[in-house]
Amino acid sequence: MNIHMQLFKRENGTWYVQFERGKKLSLKTKDAALAQQLFRKITVLSG
């Protein structure tokens, strides 16, 4: 199963993951390196 996800930063500086159907999940961080690390973990777990 392959789920399309996108990592993005909102205007307030917080990083989010957006899933296929528009659902968004806050990573609750403003640190880009930490956001990338969390995104990689989510990607591995989902796929």
PDB file of N, CA and C in Angstrom:
ATOM      1  N   MET A   1       0.843  -1.180   0.000  1.00  0.00           N
ATOM      2  CA  MET A   1       0.000   0.000   0.000  1.00  0.00           C
ATOM      3  C   MET A   1       0.885   1.240   0.000  1.00  0.00           C
ATOM      4  N   ASN A   2       0.635   2.141  -0.927  1.00  0.00           N
ATOM      5  CA  ASN A   2       1.449   3.329  -1.074  1.00  0.00           C
ATOM      6  C   ASN A   2       0.592   4.567  -0.825  1.00  0.00           C
ATOM      7  N   ILE A   3       0.880   5.278   0.233  1.00  0.00           N
ATOM      8  CA  ILE A   3       0.126   6.476   0.592  1.00  0.00           C
ATOM      9  C   ILE A   3       0.946   7.705   0.210  1.00  0.00           C
ATOM     10  N   HIS A   4       0.322   8.621  -0.520  1.00  0.00           N
ATOM     11  CA  HIS A   4       0.997   9.856  -0.893  1.00  0.00           C
ATOM     12  C   HIS A   4       0.946  10.829   0.286  1.00  0.00           C
ATOM     13  N   MET A   5       2.122  11.329   0.682  1.00  0.00           N
ATOM     14  CA  MET A   5       2.216  12.293   1.780  1.00  0.00           C
ATOM     15  C   MET A   5       3.118  13.439   1.355  1.00  0.00           C
ATOM     16  N   GLN A   6       2.867  14.595   1.946  1.00  0.00           N
ATOM     17  CA  GLN A   6       3.648  15.776   1.629  1.00  0.00           C
ATOM     18  C   GLN A   6       4.001  16.500   2.919  1.00  0.00           C
ATOM     19  N   LEU A   7       5.249  16.906   3.046  1.00  0.00           N
ATOM     20  CA  LEU A   7       5.716  17.681   4.193  1.00  0.00           C
ATOM     21  C   LEU A   7       5.666  19.149   3.809  1.00  0.00           C
ATOM     22  N   PHE A   8       5.074  19.992   4.672  1.00  0.00           N
ATOM     23  CA  PHE A   8       5.032  21.418   4.373  1.00  0.00           C
ATOM     24  C   PHE A   8       5.052  22.244   5.658  1.00  0.00           C
ATOM     25  N   LYS A   9       5.390  23.505   5.488  1.00  0.00           N
ATOM     26  CA  LYS A   9       5.495  24.440   6.606  1.00  0.00           C
ATOM     27  C   LYS A   9       4.417  25.504   6.467  1.00  0.00           C
ATOM     28  N   ARG A  10       3.660  25.726   7.528  1.00  0.00           N
ATOM     29  CA  ARG A  10       2.624  26.766   7.514  1.00  0.00           C
ATOM     30  C   ARG A  10       3.249  28.128   7.806  1.00  0.00           C
ATOM     31  N   GLU A  11       2.450  29.163   7.616  1.00  0.00           N
ATOM     32  CA  GLU A  11       2.935  30.534   7.823  1.00  0.00           C
ATOM     33  C   GLU A  11       3.415  30.780   9.250  1.00  0.00           C
ATOM     34  N   ASN A  12       2.839  30.048  10.211  1.00  0.00           N
ATOM     35  CA  ASN A  12       3.235  30.230  11.614  1.00  0.00           C
ATOM     36  C   ASN A  12       4.554  29.533  11.931  1.00  0.00           C
ATOM     37  N   GLY A  13       5.136  28.823  10.947  1.00  0.00           N
ATOM     38  CA  GLY A  13       6.439  28.181  11.117  1.00  0.00           C
ATOM     39  C   GLY A  13       6.371  26.730  11.545  1.00  0.00           C
ATOM     40  N   THR A  14       5.188  26.210  11.790  1.00  0.00           N
ATOM     41  CA  THR A  14       5.022  24.833  12.241  1.00  0.00           C
ATOM     42  C   THR A  14       4.973  23.899  11.029  1.00  0.00           C
ATOM     43  N   TRP A  15       5.625  22.746  11.159  1.00  0.00           N
ATOM     44  CA  TRP A  15       5.668  21.751  10.089  1.00  0.00           C
ATOM     45  C   TRP A  15       4.496  20.787  10.198  1.00  0.00           C
ATOM     46  N   TYR A  16       3.953  20.407   9.021  1.00  0.00           N
ATOM     47  CA  TYR A  16       2.796  19.516   8.925  1.00  0.00           C
ATOM     48  C   TYR A  16       3.050  18.447   7.868  1.00  0.00           C
ATOM     49  N   VAL A  17       2.312  17.339   7.991  1.00  0.00           N
ATOM     50  CA  VAL A  17       2.254  16.321   6.949  1.00  0.00           C
ATOM     51  C   VAL A  17       0.835  16.328   6.417  1.00  0.00           C
ATOM     52  N   GLN A  18       0.697  16.368   5.094  1.00  0.00           N
ATOM     53  CA  GLN A  18      -0.620  16.287   4.472  1.00  0.00           C
ATOM     54  C   GLN A  18      -0.727  14.947   3.759  1.00  0.00           C
ATOM     55  N   PHE A  19      -1.813  14.234   4.045  1.00  0.00           N
ATOM     56  CA  PHE A  19      -2.060  12.927   3.450  1.00  0.00           C
ATOM     57  C   PHE A  19      -2.922  13.075   2.206  1.00  0.00           C
ATOM     58  N   GLU A  20      -3.101  11.973   1.483  1.00  0.00           N
ATOM     59  CA  GLU A  20      -3.819  11.949   0.200  1.00  0.00           C
ATOM     60  C   GLU A  20      -5.131  12.716   0.183  1.00  0.00           C
ATOM     61  N   ARG A  21      -5.978  12.482   1.120  1.00  0.00           N
ATOM     62  CA  ARG A  21      -7.329  13.053   1.070  1.00  0.00           C
ATOM     63  C   ARG A  21      -7.454  14.399   1.783  1.00  0.00           C
ATOM     64  N   GLY A  22      -6.341  15.073   1.986  1.00  0.00           N
ATOM     65  CA  GLY A  22      -6.368  16.410   2.536  1.00  0.00           C
ATOM     66  C   GLY A  22      -6.226  16.488   4.051  1.00  0.00           C
ATOM     67  N   LYS A  23      -6.187  15.342   4.738  1.00  0.00           N
ATOM     68  CA  LYS A  23      -6.016  15.372   6.184  1.00  0.00           C
ATOM     69  C   LYS A  23      -4.606  15.842   6.511  1.00  0.00           C
ATOM     70  N   LYS A  24      -4.518  16.740   7.488  1.00  0.00           N
ATOM     71  CA  LYS A  24      -3.224  17.296   7.871  1.00  0.00           C
ATOM     72  C   LYS A  24      -2.893  16.907   9.310  1.00  0.00           C
ATOM     73  N   LEU A  25      -1.626  16.609   9.544  1.00  0.00           N
ATOM     74  CA  LEU A  25      -1.146  16.231  10.866  1.00  0.00           C
ATOM     75  C   LEU A  25      -0.008  17.164  11.249  1.00  0.00           C
ATOM     76  N   SER A  26      -0.145  17.849  12.367  1.00  0.00           N
ATOM     77  CA  SER A  26       0.912  18.729  12.837  1.00  0.00           C
ATOM     78  C   SER A  26       2.042  17.904  13.429  1.00  0.00           C
ATOM     79  N   LEU A  27       3.281  18.243  13.073  1.00  0.00           N
ATOM     80  CA  LEU A  27       4.440  17.590  13.669  1.00  0.00           C
ATOM     81  C   LEU A  27       4.873  18.310  14.944  1.00  0.00           C
ATOM     82  N   LYS A  28       4.192  19.403  15.253  1.00  0.00           N
ATOM     83  CA  LYS A  28       4.397  20.173  16.483  1.00  0.00           C
ATOM     84  C   LYS A  28       5.857  20.603  16.684  1.00  0.00           C
ATOM     85  N   THR A  29       6.483  21.005  15.586  1.00  0.00           N
ATOM     86  CA  THR A  29       7.845  21.507  15.656  1.00  0.00           C
ATOM     87  C   THR A  29       8.039  22.615  14.627  1.00  0.00           C
ATOM     88  N   LYS A  30       8.967  23.512  14.931  1.00  0.00           N
ATOM     89  CA  LYS A  30       9.348  24.560  13.995  1.00  0.00           C
ATOM     90  C   LYS A  30      10.757  24.306  13.463  1.00  0.00           C
ATOM     91  N   ASP A  31      11.352  23.200  13.880  1.00  0.00           N
ATOM     92  CA  ASP A  31      12.699  22.813  13.469  1.00  0.00           C
ATOM     93  C   ASP A  31      12.624  21.958  12.198  1.00  0.00           C
ATOM     94  N   ALA A  32      13.234  22.441  11.119  1.00  0.00           N
ATOM     95  CA  ALA A  32      13.160  21.745   9.828  1.00  0.00           C
ATOM     96  C   ALA A  32      13.825  20.372   9.875  1.00  0.00           C
ATOM     97  N   ALA A  33      14.969  20.252  10.552  1.00  0.00           N
ATOM     98  CA  ALA A  33      15.677  18.971  10.624  1.00  0.00           C
ATOM     99  C   ALA A  33      14.841  17.932  11.375  1.00  0.00           C
ATOM    100  N   LEU A  34      14.238  18.339  12.464  1.00  0.00           N
ATOM    101  CA  LEU A  34      13.389  17.427  13.231  1.00  0.00           C
ATOM    102  C   LEU A  34      12.153  17.037  12.419  1.00  0.00           C
ATOM    103  N   ALA A  35      11.591  17.979  11.688  1.00  0.00           N
ATOM    104  CA  ALA A  35      10.423  17.696  10.853  1.00  0.00           C
ATOM    105  C   ALA A  35      10.770  16.650   9.788  1.00  0.00           C
ATOM    106  N   GLN A  36      11.942  16.782   9.166  1.00  0.00           N
ATOM    107  CA  GLN A  36      12.377  15.805   8.158  1.00  0.00           C
ATOM    108  C   GLN A  36      12.533  14.421   8.781  1.00  0.00           C
ATOM    109  N   GLN A  37      13.112  14.374   9.971  1.00  0.00           N
ATOM    110  CA  GLN A  37      13.315  13.106  10.668  1.00  0.00           C
ATOM    111  C   GLN A  37      11.971  12.448  10.998  1.00  0.00           C
ATOM    112  N   LEU A  38      11.034  13.203  11.518  1.00  0.00           N
ATOM    113  CA  LEU A  38       9.711  12.668  11.844  1.00  0.00           C
ATOM    114  C   LEU A  38       8.973  12.219  10.586  1.00  0.00           C
ATOM    115  N   PHE A  39       9.106  12.988   9.508  1.00  0.00           N
ATOM    116  CA  PHE A  39       8.457  12.639   8.247  1.00  0.00           C
ATOM    117  C   PHE A  39       8.987  11.302   7.724  1.00  0.00           C
ATOM    118  N   ARG A  40      10.295  11.097   7.804  1.00  0.00           N
ATOM    119  CA  ARG A  40      10.895   9.829   7.369  1.00  0.00           C
ATOM    120  C   ARG A  40      10.344   8.666   8.185  1.00  0.00           C
ATOM    121  N   LYS A  41      10.197   8.854   9.500  1.00  0.00           N
ATOM    122  CA  LYS A  41       9.660   7.795  10.361  1.00  0.00           C
ATOM    123  C   LYS A  41       8.209   7.461   9.992  1.00  0.00           C
ATOM    124  N   ILE A  42       7.415   8.504   9.730  1.00  0.00           N
ATOM    125  CA  ILE A  42       6.016   8.289   9.340  1.00  0.00           C
ATOM    126  C   ILE A  42       5.967   7.540   8.002  1.00  0.00           C
ATOM    127  N   THR A  43       6.838   7.926   7.082  1.00  0.00           N
ATOM    128  CA  THR A  43       6.884   7.292   5.770  1.00  0.00           C
ATOM    129  C   THR A  43       7.222   5.804   5.887  1.00  0.00           C
ATOM    130  N   VAL A  44       8.193   5.474   6.716  1.00  0.00           N
ATOM    131  CA  VAL A  44       8.589   4.077   6.908  1.00  0.00           C
ATOM    132  C   VAL A  44       7.456   3.274   7.543  1.00  0.00           C
ATOM    133  N   LEU A  45       6.806   3.845   8.536  1.00  0.00           N
ATOM    134  CA  LEU A  45       5.728   3.142   9.235  1.00  0.00           C
ATOM    135  C   LEU A  45       4.508   2.923   8.335  1.00  0.00           C
ATOM    136  N   SER A  46       4.279   3.836   7.407  1.00  0.00           N
ATOM    137  CA  SER A  46       3.083   3.721   6.574  1.00  0.00           C
ATOM    138  C   SER A  46       3.290   2.802   5.378  1.00  0.00           C
ATOM    139  N   GLY A  47       4.536   2.480   5.083  1.00  0.00           N
ATOM    140  CA  GLY A  47       4.701   1.802   3.855  1.00  0.00           C
ATOM    141  C   GLY A  47       5.311   0.526   3.749  1.00  0.00           C
TER     142      GLY A  47
END
